[in-house]
Amino acid sequence: MAQTIQTHNIDLRYLVDNFNIQLVEDDNFFSESRENLPEITEMEKNF
């Protein structure tokens, strides 16, 4: 079952200690966010 945590109790140290998050500096990490993207529509450009 998922645990719910109040957002005011969360900081970076908590996430590192409890979820083992770490900084990734590799440019290829999540490369799918930069590859094969559709063209931006005119409507999207207006936002």
PDB file of N, CA and C in Angstrom:
ATOM      1  N   MET A   1       0.839  -1.178   0.000  1.00  0.00           N
ATOM      2  CA  MET A   1       0.000   0.000   0.000  1.00  0.00           C
ATOM      3  C   MET A   1       0.887   1.245   0.000  1.00  0.00           C
ATOM      4  N   ALA A   2       0.510   2.250  -0.747  1.00  0.00           N
ATOM      5  CA  ALA A   2       1.296   3.486  -0.845  1.00  0.00           C
ATOM      6  C   ALA A   2       1.218   4.275   0.453  1.00  0.00           C
ATOM      7  N   GLN A   3       2.318   4.933   0.765  1.00  0.00           N
ATOM      8  CA  GLN A   3       2.375   5.784   1.952  1.00  0.00           C
ATOM      9  C   GLN A   3       2.147   7.227   1.537  1.00  0.00           C
ATOM     10  N   THR A   4       1.306   7.934   2.275  1.00  0.00           N
ATOM     11  CA  THR A   4       1.049   9.340   2.005  1.00  0.00           C
ATOM     12  C   THR A   4       1.880  10.183   2.955  1.00  0.00           C
ATOM     13  N   ILE A   5       2.556  11.193   2.405  1.00  0.00           N
ATOM     14  CA  ILE A   5       3.416  12.066   3.199  1.00  0.00           C
ATOM     15  C   ILE A   5       2.961  13.501   2.977  1.00  0.00           C
ATOM     16  N   GLN A   6       2.838  14.260   4.034  1.00  0.00           N
ATOM     17  CA  GLN A   6       2.495  15.667   3.899  1.00  0.00           C
ATOM     18  C   GLN A   6       3.648  16.391   3.200  1.00  0.00           C
ATOM     19  N   THR A   7       3.322  17.207   2.203  1.00  0.00           N
ATOM     20  CA  THR A   7       4.372  17.855   1.417  1.00  0.00           C
ATOM     21  C   THR A   7       5.216  18.807   2.233  1.00  0.00           C
ATOM     22  N   HIS A   8       4.689  19.389   3.259  1.00  0.00           N
ATOM     23  CA  HIS A   8       5.496  20.315   4.054  1.00  0.00           C
ATOM     24  C   HIS A   8       6.567  19.593   4.867  1.00  0.00           C
ATOM     25  N   ASN A   9       6.502  18.255   4.910  1.00  0.00           N
ATOM     26  CA  ASN A   9       7.501  17.471   5.639  1.00  0.00           C
ATOM     27  C   ASN A   9       8.603  16.926   4.738  1.00  0.00           C
ATOM     28  N   ILE A  10       8.577  17.269   3.461  1.00  0.00           N
ATOM     29  CA  ILE A  10       9.531  16.697   2.518  1.00  0.00           C
ATOM     30  C   ILE A  10      10.571  17.727   2.112  1.00  0.00           C
ATOM     31  N   ASP A  11      11.832  17.313   2.160  1.00  0.00           N
ATOM     32  CA  ASP A  11      12.915  18.112   1.612  1.00  0.00           C
ATOM     33  C   ASP A  11      13.854  17.169   0.857  1.00  0.00           C
ATOM     34  N   LEU A  12      14.854  17.726   0.228  1.00  0.00           N
ATOM     35  CA  LEU A  12      15.758  16.919  -0.579  1.00  0.00           C
ATOM     36  C   LEU A  12      16.451  15.845   0.255  1.00  0.00           C
ATOM     37  N   ARG A  13      16.863  16.166   1.451  1.00  0.00           N
ATOM     38  CA  ARG A  13      17.527  15.191   2.327  1.00  0.00           C
ATOM     39  C   ARG A  13      16.603  14.012   2.608  1.00  0.00           C
ATOM     40  N   TYR A  14      15.342  14.278   2.848  1.00  0.00           N
ATOM     41  CA  TYR A  14      14.368  13.208   3.097  1.00  0.00           C
ATOM     42  C   TYR A  14      14.275  12.273   1.884  1.00  0.00           C
ATOM     43  N   LEU A  15      14.205  12.851   0.682  1.00  0.00           N
ATOM     44  CA  LEU A  15      14.116  12.035  -0.527  1.00  0.00           C
ATOM     45  C   LEU A  15      15.361  11.202  -0.749  1.00  0.00           C
ATOM     46  N   VAL A  16      16.522  11.786  -0.520  1.00  0.00           N
ATOM     47  CA  VAL A  16      17.780  11.043  -0.669  1.00  0.00           C
ATOM     48  C   VAL A  16      17.840   9.900   0.331  1.00  0.00           C
ATOM     49  N   ASP A  17      17.512  10.182   1.574  1.00  0.00           N
ATOM     50  CA  ASP A  17      17.596   9.170   2.627  1.00  0.00           C
ATOM     51  C   ASP A  17      16.565   8.058   2.482  1.00  0.00           C
ATOM     52  N   ASN A  18      15.361   8.392   2.056  1.00  0.00           N
ATOM     53  CA  ASN A  18      14.277   7.418   2.057  1.00  0.00           C
ATOM     54  C   ASN A  18      13.996   6.779   0.697  1.00  0.00           C
ATOM     55  N   PHE A  19      14.381   7.439  -0.380  1.00  0.00           N
ATOM     56  CA  PHE A  19      14.077   6.914  -1.709  1.00  0.00           C
ATOM     57  C   PHE A  19      15.316   6.735  -2.566  1.00  0.00           C
ATOM     58  N   ASN A  20      16.483   6.991  -1.998  1.00  0.00           N
ATOM     59  CA  ASN A  20      17.759   6.772  -2.662  1.00  0.00           C
ATOM     60  C   ASN A  20      17.847   7.513  -4.001  1.00  0.00           C
ATOM     61  N   ILE A  21      17.278   8.722  -4.071  1.00  0.00           N
ATOM     62  CA  ILE A  21      17.410   9.492  -5.301  1.00  0.00           C
ATOM     63  C   ILE A  21      18.843   9.979  -5.432  1.00  0.00           C
ATOM     64  N   GLN A  22      19.259  10.236  -6.648  1.00  0.00           N
ATOM     65  CA  GLN A  22      20.620  10.711  -6.876  1.00  0.00           C
ATOM     66  C   GLN A  22      20.669  11.586  -8.118  1.00  0.00           C
ATOM     67  N   LEU A  23      21.622  12.478  -8.141  1.00  0.00           N
ATOM     68  CA  LEU A  23      21.812  13.375  -9.262  1.00  0.00           C
ATOM     69  C   LEU A  23      22.378  12.598 -10.444  1.00  0.00           C
ATOM     70  N   VAL A  24      21.782  12.808 -11.612  1.00  0.00           N
ATOM     71  CA  VAL A  24      22.267  12.187 -12.840  1.00  0.00           C
ATOM     72  C   VAL A  24      22.667  13.305 -13.783  1.00  0.00           C
ATOM     73  N   GLU A  25      23.924  13.307 -14.181  1.00  0.00           N
ATOM     74  CA  GLU A  25      24.427  14.351 -15.068  1.00  0.00           C
ATOM     75  C   GLU A  25      24.642  13.858 -16.493  1.00  0.00           C
ATOM     76  N   ASP A  26      24.271  12.633 -16.763  1.00  0.00           N
ATOM     77  CA  ASP A  26      24.420  12.057 -18.092  1.00  0.00           C
ATOM     78  C   ASP A  26      23.405  12.694 -19.041  1.00  0.00           C
ATOM     79  N   ASP A  27      23.879  13.289 -20.133  1.00  0.00           N
ATOM     80  CA  ASP A  27      23.001  13.946 -21.092  1.00  0.00           C
ATOM     81  C   ASP A  27      22.039  12.977 -21.771  1.00  0.00           C
ATOM     82  N   ASN A  28      22.364  11.713 -21.780  1.00  0.00           N
ATOM     83  CA  ASN A  28      21.511  10.726 -22.439  1.00  0.00           C
ATOM     84  C   ASN A  28      20.420  10.172 -21.528  1.00  0.00           C
ATOM     85  N   PHE A  29      20.432  10.560 -20.284  1.00  0.00           N
ATOM     86  CA  PHE A  29      19.395  10.130 -19.359  1.00  0.00           C
ATOM     87  C   PHE A  29      18.093  10.806 -19.756  1.00  0.00           C
ATOM     88  N   PHE A  30      17.036  10.059 -19.930  1.00  0.00           N
ATOM     89  CA  PHE A  30      15.745  10.555 -20.416  1.00  0.00           C
ATOM     90  C   PHE A  30      15.884  11.201 -21.789  1.00  0.00           C
ATOM     91  N   SER A  31      16.642  10.598 -22.640  1.00  0.00           N
ATOM     92  CA  SER A  31      16.832  11.144 -23.975  1.00  0.00           C
ATOM     93  C   SER A  31      15.537  11.182 -24.768  1.00  0.00           C
ATOM     94  N   GLU A  32      14.556  10.373 -24.389  1.00  0.00           N
ATOM     95  CA  GLU A  32      13.285  10.369 -25.115  1.00  0.00           C
ATOM     96  C   GLU A  32      12.570  11.718 -25.023  1.00  0.00           C
ATOM     97  N   SER A  33      12.953  12.533 -24.070  1.00  0.00           N
ATOM     98  CA  SER A  33      12.332  13.861 -23.968  1.00  0.00           C
ATOM     99  C   SER A  33      12.892  14.826 -25.014  1.00  0.00           C
ATOM    100  N   ARG A  34      13.937  14.430 -25.737  1.00  0.00           N
ATOM    101  CA  ARG A  34      14.541  15.297 -26.747  1.00  0.00           C
ATOM    102  C   ARG A  34      14.497  14.702 -28.144  1.00  0.00           C
ATOM    103  N   GLU A  35      14.057  13.472 -28.270  1.00  0.00           N
ATOM    104  CA  GLU A  35      14.075  12.785 -29.556  1.00  0.00           C
ATOM    105  C   GLU A  35      12.674  12.529 -30.078  1.00  0.00           C
ATOM    106  N   ASN A  36      12.518  12.608 -31.379  1.00  0.00           N
ATOM    107  CA  ASN A  36      11.271  12.282 -32.048  1.00  0.00           C
ATOM    108  C   ASN A  36      10.085  13.072 -31.519  1.00  0.00           C
ATOM    109  N   LEU A  37      10.307  14.327 -31.250  1.00  0.00           N
ATOM    110  CA  LEU A  37       9.223  15.166 -30.751  1.00  0.00           C
ATOM    111  C   LEU A  37       8.415  15.716 -31.911  1.00  0.00           C
ATOM    112  N   PRO A  38       7.107  15.814 -31.725  1.00  0.00           N
ATOM    113  CA  PRO A  38       6.287  16.408 -32.786  1.00  0.00           C
ATOM    114  C   PRO A  38       6.538  17.912 -32.852  1.00  0.00           C
ATOM    115  N   GLU A  39       6.226  18.498 -33.989  1.00  0.00           N
ATOM    116  CA  GLU A  39       6.356  19.939 -34.139  1.00  0.00           C
ATOM    117  C   GLU A  39       5.389  20.645 -33.195  1.00  0.00           C
ATOM    118  N   ILE A  40       5.802  21.804 -32.710  1.00  0.00           N
ATOM    119  CA  ILE A  40       4.940  22.599 -31.835  1.00  0.00           C
ATOM    120  C   ILE A  40       3.897  23.298 -32.707  1.00  0.00           C
ATOM    121  N   THR A  41       2.648  23.176 -32.287  1.00  0.00           N
ATOM    122  CA  THR A  41       1.563  23.815 -33.053  1.00  0.00           C
ATOM    123  C   THR A  41       1.526  25.309 -32.743  1.00  0.00           C
ATOM    124  N   GLU A  42       0.826  26.040 -33.581  1.00  0.00           N
ATOM    125  CA  GLU A  42       0.671  27.493 -33.360  1.00  0.00           C
ATOM    126  C   GLU A  42      -0.013  27.757 -32.020  1.00  0.00           C
ATOM    127  N   MET A  43      -1.008  26.948 -31.681  1.00  0.00           N
ATOM    128  CA  MET A  43      -1.704  27.129 -30.413  1.00  0.00           C
ATOM    129  C   MET A  43      -0.749  26.941 -29.230  1.00  0.00           C
ATOM    130  N   GLU A  44       0.141  25.936 -29.304  1.00  0.00           N
ATOM    131  CA  GLU A  44       1.105  25.689 -28.241  1.00  0.00           C
ATOM    132  C   GLU A  44       2.112  26.827 -28.134  1.00  0.00           C
ATOM    133  N   LYS A  45       2.471  27.417 -29.258  1.00  0.00           N
ATOM    134  CA  LYS A  45       3.419  28.530 -29.253  1.00  0.00           C
ATOM    135  C   LYS A  45       2.852  29.748 -28.541  1.00  0.00           C
ATOM    136  N   ASN A  46       1.540  29.878 -28.509  1.00  0.00           N
ATOM    137  CA  ASN A  46       0.908  31.033 -27.894  1.00  0.00           C
ATOM    138  C   ASN A  46       0.834  30.950 -26.367  1.00  0.00           C
ATOM    139  N   PHE A  47       1.165  29.818 -25.796  1.00  0.00           N
ATOM    140  CA  PHE A  47       1.114  29.674 -24.341  1.00  0.00           C
ATOM    141  C   PHE A  47       2.348  30.146 -23.695  1.00  0.00           C
TER     142      PHE A  47
END
